[in-house]
Amino acid sequence: MSTNSDISPRVNSAHMQRFIGKTVRLPCKIKTVSLPFATVTTSDDGEVVVHLIPNMEITTTYAEFIGTVVDAGTLKMMAVVGMGEDLVDLSLVNKVVEVIHDKRFYERIFS
């Protein structure tokens, strides 16, 4: 079993406040990049600013950032997983995020 420090749950903008100082995974659509920051649209149609690692080049429209939540609207990037150009249904991704955080399942998944 993992400890809480090993967990990096997927989140949307609505869940970021609960994870300040914690590592999360943020599936999103890249909106703009102005180094060293990227503005992204999250699966719940929120907006988050991602503080990119130095010399980071974003080469895909959709991505999942792994990083530390700084505040409710900011993520400090540790890594990124490119998800291609054709992930058109972020609402489906959001449904998965919401199921993960549903009280009926959260403890079963992360304990």
C-alpha atoms as a PDB file:
ATOM      1  CA  MET A   1       0.000   0.000   0.000  1.00  0.00           C
ATOM      2  CA  SER A   2       1.171   3.509  -0.708  1.00  0.00           C
ATOM      3  CA  THR A   3       1.514   6.301   1.792  1.00  0.00           C
ATOM      4  CA  ASN A   4      -0.198   9.630   1.231  1.00  0.00           C
ATOM      5  CA  SER A   5       3.137  11.172   0.245  1.00  0.00           C
ATOM      6  CA  ASP A   6       3.328   8.714  -2.689  1.00  0.00           C
ATOM      7  CA  ILE A   7      -0.025   9.753  -4.124  1.00  0.00           C
ATOM      8  CA  SER A   8      -0.425  12.103  -7.068  1.00  0.00           C
ATOM      9  CA  PRO A   9      -4.166  12.149  -7.795  1.00  0.00           C
ATOM     10  CA  ARG A  10      -5.630  13.649 -10.931  1.00  0.00           C
ATOM     11  CA  VAL A  11      -7.344  16.950 -10.240  1.00  0.00           C
ATOM     12  CA  ASN A  12      -9.253  19.692 -11.993  1.00  0.00           C
ATOM     13  CA  SER A  13      -9.249  23.367 -11.017  1.00  0.00           C
ATOM     14  CA  ALA A  14     -12.034  22.845  -8.460  1.00  0.00           C
ATOM     15  CA  HIS A  15      -9.939  20.334  -6.483  1.00  0.00           C
ATOM     16  CA  MET A  16      -6.623  22.249  -6.476  1.00  0.00           C
ATOM     17  CA  GLN A  17      -7.376  24.147  -3.234  1.00  0.00           C
ATOM     18  CA  ARG A  18      -7.456  20.850  -1.298  1.00  0.00           C
ATOM     19  CA  PHE A  19      -3.966  19.887  -2.483  1.00  0.00           C
ATOM     20  CA  ILE A  20      -1.822  22.976  -1.792  1.00  0.00           C
ATOM     21  CA  GLY A  21       1.745  21.800  -1.219  1.00  0.00           C
ATOM     22  CA  LYS A  22       0.949  18.322  -2.598  1.00  0.00           C
ATOM     23  CA  THR A  23       1.878  16.596  -5.848  1.00  0.00           C
ATOM     24  CA  VAL A  24      -0.981  16.160  -8.336  1.00  0.00           C
ATOM     25  CA  ARG A  25      -1.640  15.316 -11.971  1.00  0.00           C
ATOM     26  CA  LEU A  26      -3.467  17.974 -13.965  1.00  0.00           C
ATOM     27  CA  PRO A  27      -4.947  16.864 -17.313  1.00  0.00           C
ATOM     28  CA  CYS A  28      -5.526  19.924 -19.471  1.00  0.00           C
ATOM     29  CA  LYS A  29      -5.512  21.724 -22.796  1.00  0.00           C
ATOM     30  CA  ILE A  30      -2.649  24.161 -23.374  1.00  0.00           C
ATOM     31  CA  LYS A  31      -4.109  27.628 -23.871  1.00  0.00           C
ATOM     32  CA  THR A  32      -1.015  29.871 -24.048  1.00  0.00           C
ATOM     33  CA  VAL A  33       2.700  29.560 -23.367  1.00  0.00           C
ATOM     34  CA  SER A  34       4.766  32.569 -22.325  1.00  0.00           C
ATOM     35  CA  LEU A  35       7.930  31.177 -20.763  1.00  0.00           C
ATOM     36  CA  PRO A  36       8.337  30.338 -17.970  1.00  0.00           C
ATOM     37  CA  PHE A  37       4.554  29.968 -17.669  1.00  0.00           C
ATOM     38  CA  ALA A  38       1.751  28.175 -19.473  1.00  0.00           C
ATOM     39  CA  THR A  39      -1.917  28.928 -19.038  1.00  0.00           C
ATOM     40  CA  VAL A  40      -4.061  25.822 -19.358  1.00  0.00           C
ATOM     41  CA  THR A  41      -7.735  24.943 -19.466  1.00  0.00           C
ATOM     42  CA  THR A  42      -8.530  22.152 -17.030  1.00  0.00           C
ATOM     43  CA  SER A  43     -11.021  19.335 -17.502  1.00  0.00           C
ATOM     44  CA  ASP A  44     -13.709  21.292 -15.600  1.00  0.00           C
ATOM     45  CA  ASP A  45     -13.116  24.289 -17.902  1.00  0.00           C
ATOM     46  CA  GLY A  46     -11.169  26.179 -15.245  1.00  0.00           C
ATOM     47  CA  GLU A  47      -7.932  28.053 -15.833  1.00  0.00           C
ATOM     48  CA  VAL A  48      -4.609  27.265 -14.130  1.00  0.00           C
ATOM     49  CA  VAL A  49      -1.159  28.794 -14.550  1.00  0.00           C
ATOM     50  CA  VAL A  50       1.643  26.234 -14.738  1.00  0.00           C
ATOM     51  CA  HIS A  51       5.142  27.360 -13.762  1.00  0.00           C
ATOM     52  CA  LEU A  52       7.261  25.415 -16.257  1.00  0.00           C
ATOM     53  CA  ILE A  53      10.661  23.876 -15.614  1.00  0.00           C
ATOM     54  CA  PRO A  54      13.573  25.714 -17.325  1.00  0.00           C
ATOM     55  CA  ASN A  55      13.955  25.197 -21.083  1.00  0.00           C
ATOM     56  CA  MET A  56      10.599  23.434 -21.312  1.00  0.00           C
ATOM     57  CA  GLU A  57       9.093  23.194 -24.772  1.00  0.00           C
ATOM     58  CA  ILE A  58       5.421  22.296 -24.998  1.00  0.00           C
ATOM     59  CA  THR A  59       4.837  20.329 -28.210  1.00  0.00           C
ATOM     60  CA  THR A  60       1.278  19.077 -27.772  1.00  0.00           C
ATOM     61  CA  THR A  61      -2.160  20.619 -27.377  1.00  0.00           C
ATOM     62  CA  TYR A  62      -3.267  18.292 -24.582  1.00  0.00           C
ATOM     63  CA  ALA A  63      -1.077  17.310 -21.649  1.00  0.00           C
ATOM     64  CA  GLU A  64      -1.038  16.044 -18.113  1.00  0.00           C
ATOM     65  CA  PHE A  65       1.222  18.092 -15.861  1.00  0.00           C
ATOM     66  CA  ILE A  66       2.630  16.494 -12.752  1.00  0.00           C
ATOM     67  CA  GLY A  67       3.584  19.064 -10.170  1.00  0.00           C
ATOM     68  CA  THR A  68       3.132  20.724  -6.812  1.00  0.00           C
ATOM     69  CA  VAL A  69       0.060  22.863  -6.173  1.00  0.00           C
ATOM     70  CA  VAL A  70       1.219  26.361  -5.170  1.00  0.00           C
ATOM     71  CA  ASP A  71      -2.263  27.810  -4.715  1.00  0.00           C
ATOM     72  CA  ALA A  72      -5.757  27.242  -6.108  1.00  0.00           C
ATOM     73  CA  GLY A  73      -4.736  28.566  -9.524  1.00  0.00           C
ATOM     74  CA  THR A  74      -1.032  27.706  -9.837  1.00  0.00           C
ATOM     75  CA  LEU A  75       0.933  24.500 -10.351  1.00  0.00           C
ATOM     76  CA  LYS A  76       4.735  24.213 -10.209  1.00  0.00           C
ATOM     77  CA  MET A  77       5.642  21.664 -12.871  1.00  0.00           C
ATOM     78  CA  MET A  78       7.802  18.617 -12.150  1.00  0.00           C
ATOM     79  CA  ALA A  79       7.049  16.636 -15.332  1.00  0.00           C
ATOM     80  CA  VAL A  80       4.655  16.524 -18.251  1.00  0.00           C
ATOM     81  CA  VAL A  81       3.051  13.748 -20.260  1.00  0.00           C
ATOM     82  CA  GLY A  82       2.023  14.738 -23.778  1.00  0.00           C
ATOM     83  CA  MET A  83      -1.477  13.564 -24.647  1.00  0.00           C
ATOM     84  CA  GLY A  84      -1.474  14.485 -28.333  1.00  0.00           C
ATOM     85  CA  GLU A  85      -3.618  16.728 -30.454  1.00  0.00           C
ATOM     86  CA  ASP A  86      -6.885  14.813 -30.570  1.00  0.00           C
ATOM     87  CA  LEU A  87      -8.120  14.533 -26.983  1.00  0.00           C
ATOM     88  CA  VAL A  88     -11.273  16.442 -27.768  1.00  0.00           C
ATOM     89  CA  ASP A  89     -13.485  15.347 -24.877  1.00  0.00           C
ATOM     90  CA  LEU A  90     -12.105  16.883 -21.698  1.00  0.00           C
ATOM     91  CA  SER A  91     -15.577  16.514 -20.179  1.00  0.00           C
ATOM     92  CA  LEU A  92     -15.046  12.738 -20.140  1.00  0.00           C
ATOM     93  CA  VAL A  93     -11.688  13.262 -18.411  1.00  0.00           C
ATOM     94  CA  ASN A  94     -13.489  15.475 -15.896  1.00  0.00           C
ATOM     95  CA  LYS A  95     -16.016  12.741 -15.133  1.00  0.00           C
ATOM     96  CA  VAL A  96     -13.119  10.413 -14.277  1.00  0.00           C
ATOM     97  CA  VAL A  97     -11.583  13.090 -12.021  1.00  0.00           C
ATOM     98  CA  GLU A  98     -14.908  13.564 -10.236  1.00  0.00           C
ATOM     99  CA  VAL A  99     -15.348   9.813  -9.679  1.00  0.00           C
ATOM    100  CA  ILE A 100     -11.823   9.631  -8.221  1.00  0.00           C
ATOM    101  CA  HIS A 101     -12.695  12.374  -5.709  1.00  0.00           C
ATOM    102  CA  ASP A 102     -16.153  11.022  -4.862  1.00  0.00           C
ATOM    103  CA  LYS A 103     -16.213  10.211  -1.122  1.00  0.00           C
ATOM    104  CA  ARG A 104     -17.539   6.733  -1.902  1.00  0.00           C
ATOM    105  CA  PHE A 105     -14.365   5.816  -3.816  1.00  0.00           C
ATOM    106  CA  TYR A 106     -11.515   8.140  -2.770  1.00  0.00           C
ATOM    107  CA  GLU A 107     -10.404   6.175   0.301  1.00  0.00           C
ATOM    108  CA  ARG A 108     -10.586   2.893  -1.587  1.00  0.00           C
ATOM    109  CA  ILE A 109      -8.400   4.236  -4.378  1.00  0.00           C
ATOM    110  CA  PHE A 110      -5.822   6.087  -2.269  1.00  0.00           C
ATOM    111  CA  SER A 111      -5.410   3.988   0.870  1.00  0.00           C
END
